[in-house]
């Protein structure tokens, strides 16, 4: 009936909160996708890449494949005499320090080893998937280890003959490459080589993918720019670029997902604050509409009372006040 309160089922989403709820859910979904893309492989959420696909991704570009690397015949780590001689040189190496003059004999010996063998030969004998923490925590046990790294390069520096001191390897140019692996995440490696194939640019802000094979020398101390000492494994060997790497596309997808997450967050905040401001500034409406009443003049009301029928007045009186019959 009119005037009676209407009963209904309460809504699960209060009025005015639907858009904010959708924005919040969208933000959570995009943030979850971002975490999945950035951390999925590291935490084992995604199936690892198949060996065939991995080999295809590691194949060098055509220009690098045609490039002739310089090989200087000589003895290397597969010679027992070399292994005995270098142990004395490693005794002088200081882990956790900057590169010092007493590190250089072992440094140039490893350079000679790397230059005496081709990239393919070094790669066949190299250890794979060596954890960053293994080199960091027990560096002295791994001096001279031949290791393969898949690097995301950040910086590539070139030192020519005027910067390179006289050395037993006869090297006049040294390239210093800084990068990370999927396993090391933000922890940098520093790798050194005497040749840089086509496909790897030189610069302080580089985004390139490469495979490195070389010998571990030490954990080298460096300062990333905030006066805070860090340590990077220093290796010496050979490098080649990666063709068709999935990491550049993955980083692009990760950046796009991050941008979408930021956009969704901004949308959610805008909707929330916009709704709050609207609720605070809008004019409040009365809960019930006022009933329209007709106001009659006082003279008309008095006249109506004077002409009011007596029987109707008596019938409306209290039973105890009626005259006895």
C-alpha atoms as a PDB file:
ATOM      1  CA  UNK A   1       0.000   0.000   0.000  1.00  0.00           C
ATOM      2  CA  UNK A   2       1.090   3.607  -0.501  1.00  0.00           C
ATOM      3  CA  UNK A   3       2.944   4.993   2.492  1.00  0.00           C
ATOM      4  CA  UNK A   4       4.070   1.582   3.723  1.00  0.00           C
ATOM      5  CA  UNK A   5       7.835   0.830   3.683  1.00  0.00           C
ATOM      6  CA  UNK A   6       8.897  -1.465   0.887  1.00  0.00           C
ATOM      7  CA  UNK A   7      10.857  -4.558   1.820  1.00  0.00           C
ATOM      8  CA  UNK A   8      13.601  -5.791  -0.517  1.00  0.00           C
ATOM      9  CA  UNK A   9      16.794  -7.794  -0.666  1.00  0.00           C
ATOM     10  CA  UNK A  10      19.907  -5.852   0.367  1.00  0.00           C
ATOM     11  CA  UNK A  11      22.446  -5.361  -2.425  1.00  0.00           C
ATOM     12  CA  UNK A  12      25.862  -6.998  -2.053  1.00  0.00           C
ATOM     13  CA  UNK A  13      27.505  -3.850  -3.450  1.00  0.00           C
ATOM     14  CA  UNK A  14      26.384  -0.594  -1.787  1.00  0.00           C
ATOM     15  CA  UNK A  15      25.127   2.062  -4.129  1.00  0.00           C
ATOM     16  CA  UNK A  16      27.954   4.195  -5.492  1.00  0.00           C
ATOM     17  CA  UNK A  17      30.702   1.646  -4.769  1.00  0.00           C
ATOM     18  CA  UNK A  18      30.476  -0.456  -7.930  1.00  0.00           C
ATOM     19  CA  UNK A  19      32.945   1.556 -10.020  1.00  0.00           C
ATOM     20  CA  UNK A  20      35.450   1.756  -7.172  1.00  0.00           C
ATOM     21  CA  UNK A  21      35.199  -1.991  -6.628  1.00  0.00           C
ATOM     22  CA  UNK A  22      35.861  -2.669 -10.311  1.00  0.00           C
ATOM     23  CA  UNK A  23      38.857  -0.314 -10.300  1.00  0.00           C
ATOM     24  CA  UNK A  24      40.279  -1.994  -7.216  1.00  0.00           C
ATOM     25  CA  UNK A  25      39.848  -5.490  -8.684  1.00  0.00           C
ATOM     26  CA  UNK A  26      41.461  -4.381 -11.945  1.00  0.00           C
ATOM     27  CA  UNK A  27      44.419  -2.950 -10.055  1.00  0.00           C
ATOM     28  CA  UNK A  28      44.892  -6.163  -8.086  1.00  0.00           C
ATOM     29  CA  UNK A  29      44.752  -8.266 -11.262  1.00  0.00           C
ATOM     30  CA  UNK A  30      47.332  -6.132 -13.089  1.00  0.00           C
ATOM     31  CA  UNK A  31      49.637  -6.041 -10.068  1.00  0.00           C
ATOM     32  CA  UNK A  32      49.380  -9.825  -9.866  1.00  0.00           C
ATOM     33  CA  UNK A  33      50.264 -10.149 -13.554  1.00  0.00           C
ATOM     34  CA  UNK A  34      53.238  -7.848 -13.045  1.00  0.00           C
ATOM     35  CA  UNK A  35      54.546  -9.985 -10.189  1.00  0.00           C
ATOM     36  CA  UNK A  36      53.977 -13.117 -12.268  1.00  0.00           C
ATOM     37  CA  UNK A  37      55.946 -11.738 -15.219  1.00  0.00           C
ATOM     38  CA  UNK A  38      58.836 -10.407 -13.122  1.00  0.00           C
ATOM     39  CA  UNK A  39      59.186 -13.229 -10.624  1.00  0.00           C
ATOM     40  CA  UNK A  40      57.536 -16.234 -12.248  1.00  0.00           C
ATOM     41  CA  UNK A  41      60.613 -17.982 -13.507  1.00  0.00           C
ATOM     42  CA  UNK A  42      62.719 -17.105 -10.482  1.00  0.00           C
ATOM     43  CA  UNK A  43      60.194 -18.663  -8.108  1.00  0.00           C
ATOM     44  CA  UNK A  44      59.353 -21.612 -10.338  1.00  0.00           C
ATOM     45  CA  UNK A  45      55.767 -20.602 -11.128  1.00  0.00           C
ATOM     46  CA  UNK A  46      56.251 -21.054 -14.848  1.00  0.00           C
ATOM     47  CA  UNK A  47      57.509 -24.028 -16.776  1.00  0.00           C
ATOM     48  CA  UNK A  48      61.197 -23.617 -17.632  1.00  0.00           C
ATOM     49  CA  UNK A  49      62.131 -23.022 -21.229  1.00  0.00           C
ATOM     50  CA  UNK A  50      62.789 -26.153 -23.282  1.00  0.00           C
ATOM     51  CA  UNK A  51      66.393 -26.907 -24.246  1.00  0.00           C
ATOM     52  CA  UNK A  52      65.700 -26.535 -27.995  1.00  0.00           C
ATOM     53  CA  UNK A  53      64.120 -23.126 -27.522  1.00  0.00           C
ATOM     54  CA  UNK A  54      66.955 -22.138 -25.213  1.00  0.00           C
ATOM     55  CA  UNK A  55      69.555 -23.165 -27.812  1.00  0.00           C
ATOM     56  CA  UNK A  56      67.732 -21.191 -30.507  1.00  0.00           C
ATOM     57  CA  UNK A  57      67.633 -18.113 -28.287  1.00  0.00           C
ATOM     58  CA  UNK A  58      71.351 -18.464 -27.531  1.00  0.00           C
ATOM     59  CA  UNK A  59      72.336 -18.625 -31.181  1.00  0.00           C
ATOM     60  CA  UNK A  60      74.436 -15.649 -32.282  1.00  0.00           C
ATOM     61  CA  UNK A  61      73.185 -13.134 -34.875  1.00  0.00           C
ATOM     62  CA  UNK A  62      74.348 -13.673 -38.437  1.00  0.00           C
ATOM     63  CA  UNK A  63      76.829 -10.779 -38.248  1.00  0.00           C
ATOM     64  CA  UNK A  64      78.379 -12.196 -35.088  1.00  0.00           C
ATOM     65  CA  UNK A  65      78.456 -15.717 -36.535  1.00  0.00           C
ATOM     66  CA  UNK A  66      80.445 -14.463 -39.535  1.00  0.00           C
ATOM     67  CA  UNK A  67      82.808 -12.526 -37.300  1.00  0.00           C
ATOM     68  CA  UNK A  68      86.234 -14.099 -36.931  1.00  0.00           C
ATOM     69  CA  UNK A  69      87.464 -14.169 -33.347  1.00  0.00           C
ATOM     70  CA  UNK A  70      91.164 -13.840 -32.670  1.00  0.00           C
ATOM     71  CA  UNK A  71      92.796 -16.995 -31.315  1.00  0.00           C
ATOM     72  CA  UNK A  72      96.361 -16.841 -29.977  1.00  0.00           C
ATOM     73  CA  UNK A  73      97.734 -20.387 -29.658  1.00  0.00           C
ATOM     74  CA  UNK A  74      99.038 -21.227 -26.215  1.00  0.00           C
ATOM     75  CA  UNK A  75      98.514 -23.241 -23.080  1.00  0.00           C
ATOM     76  CA  UNK A  76      95.307 -22.930 -21.036  1.00  0.00           C
ATOM     77  CA  UNK A  77      93.553 -24.441 -18.043  1.00  0.00           C
ATOM     78  CA  UNK A  78      93.518 -27.887 -19.656  1.00  0.00           C
ATOM     79  CA  UNK A  79      97.295 -28.000 -19.190  1.00  0.00           C
ATOM     80  CA  UNK A  80      98.323 -29.459 -15.771  1.00  0.00           C
ATOM     81  CA  UNK A  81     101.425 -27.266 -15.655  1.00  0.00           C
ATOM     82  CA  UNK A  82      99.290 -24.130 -16.052  1.00  0.00           C
ATOM     83  CA  UNK A  83      97.011 -25.270 -13.261  1.00  0.00           C
ATOM     84  CA  UNK A  84      99.953 -25.644 -10.893  1.00  0.00           C
ATOM     85  CA  UNK A  85     101.497 -22.288 -11.808  1.00  0.00           C
ATOM     86  CA  UNK A  86      98.338 -20.271 -11.407  1.00  0.00           C
ATOM     87  CA  UNK A  87      97.703 -21.526  -7.881  1.00  0.00           C
ATOM     88  CA  UNK A  88     100.567 -19.343  -6.678  1.00  0.00           C
ATOM     89  CA  UNK A  89      99.100 -16.354  -8.523  1.00  0.00           C
ATOM     90  CA  UNK A  90      95.681 -16.920  -6.944  1.00  0.00           C
ATOM     91  CA  UNK A  91      97.248 -16.828  -3.474  1.00  0.00           C
ATOM     92  CA  UNK A  92      97.893 -13.117  -3.998  1.00  0.00           C
ATOM     93  CA  UNK A  93      94.361 -12.302  -5.181  1.00  0.00           C
ATOM     94  CA  UNK A  94      92.326 -10.315  -2.670  1.00  0.00           C
ATOM     95  CA  UNK A  95      88.601 -11.031  -2.733  1.00  0.00           C
ATOM     96  CA  UNK A  96      86.264  -8.266  -1.630  1.00  0.00           C
ATOM     97  CA  UNK A  97      88.717  -5.564  -2.735  1.00  0.00           C
ATOM     98  CA  UNK A  98      89.052  -3.365  -5.761  1.00  0.00           C
ATOM     99  CA  UNK A  99      91.282  -4.594  -8.570  1.00  0.00           C
ATOM    100  CA  UNK A 100      94.829  -4.236  -7.211  1.00  0.00           C
ATOM    101  CA  UNK A 101      98.302  -4.502  -8.835  1.00  0.00           C
ATOM    102  CA  UNK A 102      98.915  -7.858  -7.143  1.00  0.00           C
ATOM    103  CA  UNK A 103      95.774  -9.214  -8.838  1.00  0.00           C
ATOM    104  CA  UNK A 104      97.112  -8.463 -12.328  1.00  0.00           C
ATOM    105  CA  UNK A 105      99.426 -11.486 -12.850  1.00  0.00           C
ATOM    106  CA  UNK A 106      96.456 -13.840 -12.410  1.00  0.00           C
ATOM    107  CA  UNK A 107      94.264 -11.417 -14.405  1.00  0.00           C
ATOM    108  CA  UNK A 108      96.515 -11.533 -17.487  1.00  0.00           C
ATOM    109  CA  UNK A 109      97.125 -15.270 -17.161  1.00  0.00           C
ATOM    110  CA  UNK A 110      93.360 -15.872 -17.399  1.00  0.00           C
ATOM    111  CA  UNK A 111      93.229 -13.491 -20.363  1.00  0.00           C
ATOM    112  CA  UNK A 112      95.866 -15.604 -22.120  1.00  0.00           C
ATOM    113  CA  UNK A 113      93.873 -18.763 -21.402  1.00  0.00           C
ATOM    114  CA  UNK A 114      90.699 -17.228 -22.880  1.00  0.00           C
ATOM    115  CA  UNK A 115      92.467 -15.932 -26.008  1.00  0.00           C
ATOM    116  CA  UNK A 116      94.066 -19.307 -26.703  1.00  0.00           C
ATOM    117  CA  UNK A 117      90.719 -21.093 -27.098  1.00  0.00           C
ATOM    118  CA  UNK A 118      87.662 -20.368 -29.229  1.00  0.00           C
ATOM    119  CA  UNK A 119      84.299 -19.418 -27.754  1.00  0.00           C
ATOM    120  CA  UNK A 120      82.819 -22.761 -28.796  1.00  0.00           C
ATOM    121  CA  UNK A 121      85.590 -24.742 -27.129  1.00  0.00           C
ATOM    122  CA  UNK A 122      85.298 -22.789 -23.899  1.00  0.00           C
ATOM    123  CA  UNK A 123      81.523 -23.162 -23.957  1.00  0.00           C
ATOM    124  CA  UNK A 124      81.722 -26.950 -24.256  1.00  0.00           C
ATOM    125  CA  UNK A 125      83.750 -27.229 -21.059  1.00  0.00           C
ATOM    126  CA  UNK A 126      82.124 -24.443 -19.032  1.00  0.00           C
ATOM    127  CA  UNK A 127      80.001 -24.882 -15.929  1.00  0.00           C
ATOM    128  CA  UNK A 128      76.405 -23.685 -16.270  1.00  0.00           C
ATOM    129  CA  UNK A 129      73.877 -22.264 -13.834  1.00  0.00           C
ATOM    130  CA  UNK A 130      76.465 -21.390 -11.187  1.00  0.00           C
ATOM    131  CA  UNK A 131      74.597 -19.402  -8.476  1.00  0.00           C
ATOM    132  CA  UNK A 132      75.746 -15.887  -7.690  1.00  0.00           C
ATOM    133  CA  UNK A 133      75.856 -16.696  -3.977  1.00  0.00           C
ATOM    134  CA  UNK A 134      78.206 -19.617  -4.634  1.00  0.00           C
ATOM    135  CA  UNK A 135      80.852 -17.261  -6.019  1.00  0.00           C
ATOM    136  CA  UNK A 136      80.091 -14.615  -3.408  1.00  0.00           C
ATOM    137  CA  UNK A 137      80.291 -16.794  -0.322  1.00  0.00           C
ATOM    138  CA  UNK A 138      83.206 -19.029  -1.306  1.00  0.00           C
ATOM    139  CA  UNK A 139      85.186 -17.070  -3.881  1.00  0.00           C
ATOM    140  CA  UNK A 140      88.553 -18.559  -2.943  1.00  0.00           C
ATOM    141  CA  UNK A 141      87.274 -22.066  -3.813  1.00  0.00           C
ATOM    142  CA  UNK A 142      86.310 -21.065  -7.345  1.00  0.00           C
ATOM    143  CA  UNK A 143      89.304 -19.091  -8.579  1.00  0.00           C
ATOM    144  CA  UNK A 144      89.941 -20.152 -12.171  1.00  0.00           C
ATOM    145  CA  UNK A 145      86.594 -21.932 -12.668  1.00  0.00           C
ATOM    146  CA  UNK A 146      85.331 -21.815 -16.259  1.00  0.00           C
ATOM    147  CA  UNK A 147      81.729 -20.555 -16.149  1.00  0.00           C
ATOM    148  CA  UNK A 148      79.026 -19.733 -18.682  1.00  0.00           C
ATOM    149  CA  UNK A 149      76.685 -16.791 -18.008  1.00  0.00           C
ATOM    150  CA  UNK A 150      73.630 -15.483 -19.832  1.00  0.00           C
ATOM    151  CA  UNK A 151      73.808 -11.743 -19.216  1.00  0.00           C
ATOM    152  CA  UNK A 152      71.440  -8.799 -19.504  1.00  0.00           C
ATOM    153  CA  UNK A 153      74.021  -6.093 -20.147  1.00  0.00           C
ATOM    154  CA  UNK A 154      73.704  -2.661 -18.531  1.00  0.00           C
ATOM    155  CA  UNK A 155      77.056  -1.044 -19.316  1.00  0.00           C
ATOM    156  CA  UNK A 156      79.943  -1.735 -21.706  1.00  0.00           C
ATOM    157  CA  UNK A 157      83.219   0.185 -21.351  1.00  0.00           C
ATOM    158  CA  UNK A 158      86.219   0.181 -23.660  1.00  0.00           C
ATOM    159  CA  UNK A 159      89.786   0.677 -22.424  1.00  0.00           C
ATOM    160  CA  UNK A 160      92.375   1.221 -25.152  1.00  0.00           C
ATOM    161  CA  UNK A 161      96.164   0.851 -25.117  1.00  0.00           C
ATOM    162  CA  UNK A 162      96.800   4.106 -23.271  1.00  0.00           C
ATOM    163  CA  UNK A 163      94.665   2.864 -20.368  1.00  0.00           C
ATOM    164  CA  UNK A 164      95.852  -0.754 -20.426  1.00  0.00           C
ATOM    165  CA  UNK A 165      99.180  -1.345 -18.690  1.00  0.00           C
ATOM    166  CA  UNK A 166     101.867  -3.512 -20.243  1.00  0.00           C
ATOM    167  CA  UNK A 167     100.818  -7.117 -19.796  1.00  0.00           C
ATOM    168  CA  UNK A 168     101.925 -10.665 -20.473  1.00  0.00           C
ATOM    169  CA  UNK A 169      98.916 -11.317 -22.720  1.00  0.00           C
ATOM    170  CA  UNK A 170      99.912  -8.614 -25.210  1.00  0.00           C
ATOM    171  CA  UNK A 171      96.423  -7.099 -25.099  1.00  0.00           C
ATOM    172  CA  UNK A 172      95.997  -3.463 -26.176  1.00  0.00           C
ATOM    173  CA  UNK A 173      92.207  -3.153 -25.788  1.00  0.00           C
ATOM    174  CA  UNK A 174      90.014  -4.413 -22.962  1.00  0.00           C
ATOM    175  CA  UNK A 175      86.209  -4.379 -22.849  1.00  0.00           C
ATOM    176  CA  UNK A 176      84.502  -4.315 -19.467  1.00  0.00           C
ATOM    177  CA  UNK A 177      80.888  -5.481 -19.464  1.00  0.00           C
ATOM    178  CA  UNK A 178      78.487  -5.122 -16.538  1.00  0.00           C
ATOM    179  CA  UNK A 179      75.244  -7.053 -16.364  1.00  0.00           C
ATOM    180  CA  UNK A 180      72.936  -9.333 -14.416  1.00  0.00           C
ATOM    181  CA  UNK A 181      71.491 -12.798 -14.887  1.00  0.00           C
ATOM    182  CA  UNK A 182      67.991 -14.077 -14.192  1.00  0.00           C
ATOM    183  CA  UNK A 183      69.335 -15.785 -11.087  1.00  0.00           C
ATOM    184  CA  UNK A 184      71.406 -12.876  -9.735  1.00  0.00           C
ATOM    185  CA  UNK A 185      68.522 -10.400 -10.285  1.00  0.00           C
ATOM    186  CA  UNK A 186      69.898  -6.980  -9.207  1.00  0.00           C
ATOM    187  CA  UNK A 187      73.383  -8.276  -8.372  1.00  0.00           C
ATOM    188  CA  UNK A 188      75.879  -7.337 -11.075  1.00  0.00           C
ATOM    189  CA  UNK A 189      78.612  -9.345 -12.739  1.00  0.00           C
ATOM    190  CA  UNK A 190      81.686  -7.723 -14.272  1.00  0.00           C
ATOM    191  CA  UNK A 191      83.125  -9.651 -17.218  1.00  0.00           C
ATOM    192  CA  UNK A 192      86.203  -8.715 -19.246  1.00  0.00           C
ATOM    193  CA  UNK A 193      87.202  -9.655 -22.784  1.00  0.00           C
ATOM    194  CA  UNK A 194      89.762  -8.497 -25.353  1.00  0.00           C
ATOM    195  CA  UNK A 195      87.314  -8.485 -28.297  1.00  0.00           C
ATOM    196  CA  UNK A 196      83.739  -7.300 -28.721  1.00  0.00           C
ATOM    197  CA  UNK A 197      81.730  -8.893 -31.557  1.00  0.00           C
ATOM    198  CA  UNK A 198      79.130  -6.977 -33.602  1.00  0.00           C
ATOM    199  CA  UNK A 199      75.762  -6.655 -31.894  1.00  0.00           C
ATOM    200  CA  UNK A 200      77.027  -5.461 -28.516  1.00  0.00           C
ATOM    201  CA  UNK A 201      77.164  -1.661 -28.226  1.00  0.00           C
ATOM    202  CA  UNK A 202      79.598   0.336 -26.108  1.00  0.00           C
ATOM    203  CA  UNK A 203      78.084   2.793 -23.643  1.00  0.00           C
ATOM    204  CA  UNK A 204      77.152   3.559 -20.067  1.00  0.00           C
ATOM    205  CA  UNK A 205      73.441   2.819 -20.612  1.00  0.00           C
ATOM    206  CA  UNK A 206      73.163  -0.381 -22.647  1.00  0.00           C
ATOM    207  CA  UNK A 207      70.299  -2.814 -23.118  1.00  0.00           C
ATOM    208  CA  UNK A 208      71.657  -5.934 -24.784  1.00  0.00           C
ATOM    209  CA  UNK A 209      71.675  -9.679 -24.276  1.00  0.00           C
ATOM    210  CA  UNK A 210      74.849 -11.764 -24.401  1.00  0.00           C
ATOM    211  CA  UNK A 211      76.376 -15.115 -23.530  1.00  0.00           C
ATOM    212  CA  UNK A 212      79.711 -14.993 -21.741  1.00  0.00           C
ATOM    213  CA  UNK A 213      82.177 -17.807 -21.164  1.00  0.00           C
ATOM    214  CA  UNK A 214      85.216 -17.184 -19.009  1.00  0.00           C
ATOM    215  CA  UNK A 215      87.300 -17.772 -15.920  1.00  0.00           C
ATOM    216  CA  UNK A 216      86.382 -16.507 -12.471  1.00  0.00           C
ATOM    217  CA  UNK A 217      89.090 -14.309 -10.922  1.00  0.00           C
ATOM    218  CA  UNK A 218      87.641 -12.735  -7.756  1.00  0.00           C
ATOM    219  CA  UNK A 219      84.801 -10.856  -6.129  1.00  0.00           C
ATOM    220  CA  UNK A 220      85.614  -7.225  -6.875  1.00  0.00           C
ATOM    221  CA  UNK A 221      84.452  -4.344  -4.708  1.00  0.00           C
ATOM    222  CA  UNK A 222      82.833  -1.347  -6.409  1.00  0.00           C
ATOM    223  CA  UNK A 223      80.615   1.614  -5.555  1.00  0.00           C
ATOM    224  CA  UNK A 224      77.382   1.883  -7.593  1.00  0.00           C
ATOM    225  CA  UNK A 225      77.004   5.622  -6.928  1.00  0.00           C
ATOM    226  CA  UNK A 226      75.553   5.938  -3.416  1.00  0.00           C
ATOM    227  CA  UNK A 227      78.844   5.590  -1.531  1.00  0.00           C
ATOM    228  CA  UNK A 228      77.849   2.075  -0.586  1.00  0.00           C
ATOM    229  CA  UNK A 229      80.311  -0.718  -1.343  1.00  0.00           C
ATOM    230  CA  UNK A 230      79.048  -3.665  -3.349  1.00  0.00           C
ATOM    231  CA  UNK A 231      80.725  -6.774  -4.723  1.00  0.00           C
ATOM    232  CA  UNK A 232      80.641  -8.178  -8.248  1.00  0.00           C
ATOM    233  CA  UNK A 233      82.173 -11.446  -9.490  1.00  0.00           C
ATOM    234  CA  UNK A 234      84.942 -10.597 -11.973  1.00  0.00           C
ATOM    235  CA  UNK A 235      85.435 -13.038 -14.861  1.00  0.00           C
ATOM    236  CA  UNK A 236      87.710 -12.966 -17.912  1.00  0.00           C
ATOM    237  CA  UNK A 237      86.865 -14.663 -21.198  1.00  0.00           C
ATOM    238  CA  UNK A 238      84.855 -14.309 -24.409  1.00  0.00           C
ATOM    239  CA  UNK A 239      81.389 -12.949 -25.209  1.00  0.00           C
ATOM    240  CA  UNK A 240      78.860 -13.085 -28.020  1.00  0.00           C
ATOM    241  CA  UNK A 241      75.418 -11.466 -28.478  1.00  0.00           C
ATOM    242  CA  UNK A 242      72.147 -13.384 -28.379  1.00  0.00           C
ATOM    243  CA  UNK A 243      69.787 -13.377 -31.363  1.00  0.00           C
ATOM    244  CA  UNK A 244      66.034 -13.305 -30.861  1.00  0.00           C
ATOM    245  CA  UNK A 245      66.291 -13.087 -27.105  1.00  0.00           C
ATOM    246  CA  UNK A 246      63.017 -13.371 -25.266  1.00  0.00           C
ATOM    247  CA  UNK A 247      64.302 -11.225 -22.413  1.00  0.00           C
ATOM    248  CA  UNK A 248      64.020  -7.914 -24.243  1.00  0.00           C
ATOM    249  CA  UNK A 249      60.412  -8.725 -25.160  1.00  0.00           C
ATOM    250  CA  UNK A 250      59.755  -9.917 -21.612  1.00  0.00           C
ATOM    251  CA  UNK A 251      61.118  -6.683 -20.174  1.00  0.00           C
ATOM    252  CA  UNK A 252      58.992  -4.694 -22.636  1.00  0.00           C
ATOM    253  CA  UNK A 253      55.914  -6.679 -21.622  1.00  0.00           C
ATOM    254  CA  UNK A 254      56.828  -6.207 -17.972  1.00  0.00           C
ATOM    255  CA  UNK A 255      57.190  -2.449 -18.469  1.00  0.00           C
ATOM    256  CA  UNK A 256      53.841  -2.309 -20.265  1.00  0.00           C
ATOM    257  CA  UNK A 257      52.185  -4.278 -17.485  1.00  0.00           C
ATOM    258  CA  UNK A 258      53.731  -1.973 -14.904  1.00  0.00           C
ATOM    259  CA  UNK A 259      52.402   1.057 -16.779  1.00  0.00           C
ATOM    260  CA  UNK A 260      48.939  -0.497 -16.867  1.00  0.00           C
ATOM    261  CA  UNK A 261      49.145  -1.202 -13.144  1.00  0.00           C
ATOM    262  CA  UNK A 262      50.142   2.404 -12.439  1.00  0.00           C
ATOM    263  CA  UNK A 263      47.320   3.660 -14.660  1.00  0.00           C
ATOM    264  CA  UNK A 264      44.795   1.443 -12.895  1.00  0.00           C
ATOM    265  CA  UNK A 265      46.071   2.669  -9.543  1.00  0.00           C
ATOM    266  CA  UNK A 266      45.697   6.286 -10.608  1.00  0.00           C
ATOM    267  CA  UNK A 267      42.180   5.556 -11.883  1.00  0.00           C
ATOM    268  CA  UNK A 268      41.246   3.878  -8.606  1.00  0.00           C
ATOM    269  CA  UNK A 269      42.583   6.787  -6.532  1.00  0.00           C
ATOM    270  CA  UNK A 270      40.843   9.331  -8.778  1.00  0.00           C
ATOM    271  CA  UNK A 271      37.511   7.543  -8.567  1.00  0.00           C
ATOM    272  CA  UNK A 272      37.784   7.147  -4.795  1.00  0.00           C
ATOM    273  CA  UNK A 273      38.656  10.767  -4.083  1.00  0.00           C
ATOM    274  CA  UNK A 274      36.184  12.037  -6.684  1.00  0.00           C
ATOM    275  CA  UNK A 275      33.393  10.061  -5.067  1.00  0.00           C
ATOM    276  CA  UNK A 276      34.414  11.277  -1.611  1.00  0.00           C
ATOM    277  CA  UNK A 277      34.450  14.922  -2.689  1.00  0.00           C
ATOM    278  CA  UNK A 278      31.088  14.528  -4.405  1.00  0.00           C
ATOM    279  CA  UNK A 279      29.530  13.000  -1.293  1.00  0.00           C
ATOM    280  CA  UNK A 280      30.917  15.763   0.926  1.00  0.00           C
ATOM    281  CA  UNK A 281      29.959  18.685  -1.304  1.00  0.00           C
ATOM    282  CA  UNK A 282      26.589  17.643  -2.699  1.00  0.00           C
ATOM    283  CA  UNK A 283      23.409  19.140  -1.265  1.00  0.00           C
ATOM    284  CA  UNK A 284      21.746  16.716   1.127  1.00  0.00           C
ATOM    285  CA  UNK A 285      18.273  15.642   0.182  1.00  0.00           C
ATOM    286  CA  UNK A 286      15.551  15.147   2.824  1.00  0.00           C
ATOM    287  CA  UNK A 287      14.788  11.569   3.719  1.00  0.00           C
ATOM    288  CA  UNK A 288      11.063  12.021   3.098  1.00  0.00           C
ATOM    289  CA  UNK A 289       9.273  14.521   0.921  1.00  0.00           C
ATOM    290  CA  UNK A 290       7.182  17.041   2.856  1.00  0.00           C
ATOM    291  CA  UNK A 291       3.395  16.485   2.659  1.00  0.00           C
ATOM    292  CA  UNK A 292       1.556  19.289   0.900  1.00  0.00           C
ATOM    293  CA  UNK A 293      -1.171  20.738   3.151  1.00  0.00           C
ATOM    294  CA  UNK A 294      -3.779  23.366   2.436  1.00  0.00           C
ATOM    295  CA  UNK A 295      -3.875  26.155   5.027  1.00  0.00           C
ATOM    296  CA  UNK A 296      -7.401  27.620   5.455  1.00  0.00           C
ATOM    297  CA  UNK A 297      -8.075  31.150   6.723  1.00  0.00           C
ATOM    298  CA  UNK A 298      -8.988  31.483  10.434  1.00  0.00           C
ATOM    299  CA  UNK A 299     -12.393  33.050   9.685  1.00  0.00           C
ATOM    300  CA  UNK A 300     -13.369  30.095   7.516  1.00  0.00           C
ATOM    301  CA  UNK A 301     -12.372  27.652  10.250  1.00  0.00           C
ATOM    302  CA  UNK A 302     -14.449  29.509  12.914  1.00  0.00           C
ATOM    303  CA  UNK A 303     -17.487  29.573  10.651  1.00  0.00           C
ATOM    304  CA  UNK A 304     -17.183  25.830  10.064  1.00  0.00           C
ATOM    305  CA  UNK A 305     -17.036  25.162  13.804  1.00  0.00           C
ATOM    306  CA  UNK A 306     -20.157  27.239  14.455  1.00  0.00           C
ATOM    307  CA  UNK A 307     -22.144  25.329  11.831  1.00  0.00           C
ATOM    308  CA  UNK A 308     -20.876  21.920  13.005  1.00  0.00           C
ATOM    309  CA  UNK A 309     -23.940  19.573  13.497  1.00  0.00           C
ATOM    310  CA  UNK A 310     -24.793  18.812  17.113  1.00  0.00           C
ATOM    311  CA  UNK A 311     -25.486  15.135  16.522  1.00  0.00           C
ATOM    312  CA  UNK A 312     -22.096  14.661  14.978  1.00  0.00           C
ATOM    313  CA  UNK A 313     -20.522  16.468  17.932  1.00  0.00           C
ATOM    314  CA  UNK A 314     -22.416  14.252  20.366  1.00  0.00           C
ATOM    315  CA  UNK A 315     -21.472  11.100  18.603  1.00  0.00           C
ATOM    316  CA  UNK A 316     -17.826  12.073  18.864  1.00  0.00           C
ATOM    317  CA  UNK A 317     -18.004  12.823  22.602  1.00  0.00           C
ATOM    318  CA  UNK A 318     -16.805  10.457  25.301  1.00  0.00           C
ATOM    319  CA  UNK A 319     -19.437   7.878  26.456  1.00  0.00           C
ATOM    320  CA  UNK A 320     -19.238   9.052  30.065  1.00  0.00           C
ATOM    321  CA  UNK A 321     -20.027  12.629  29.045  1.00  0.00           C
ATOM    322  CA  UNK A 322     -23.285  11.821  27.204  1.00  0.00           C
ATOM    323  CA  UNK A 323     -26.552  12.801  29.018  1.00  0.00           C
ATOM    324  CA  UNK A 324     -28.429   9.954  30.660  1.00  0.00           C
ATOM    325  CA  UNK A 325     -31.632   8.792  28.894  1.00  0.00           C
END
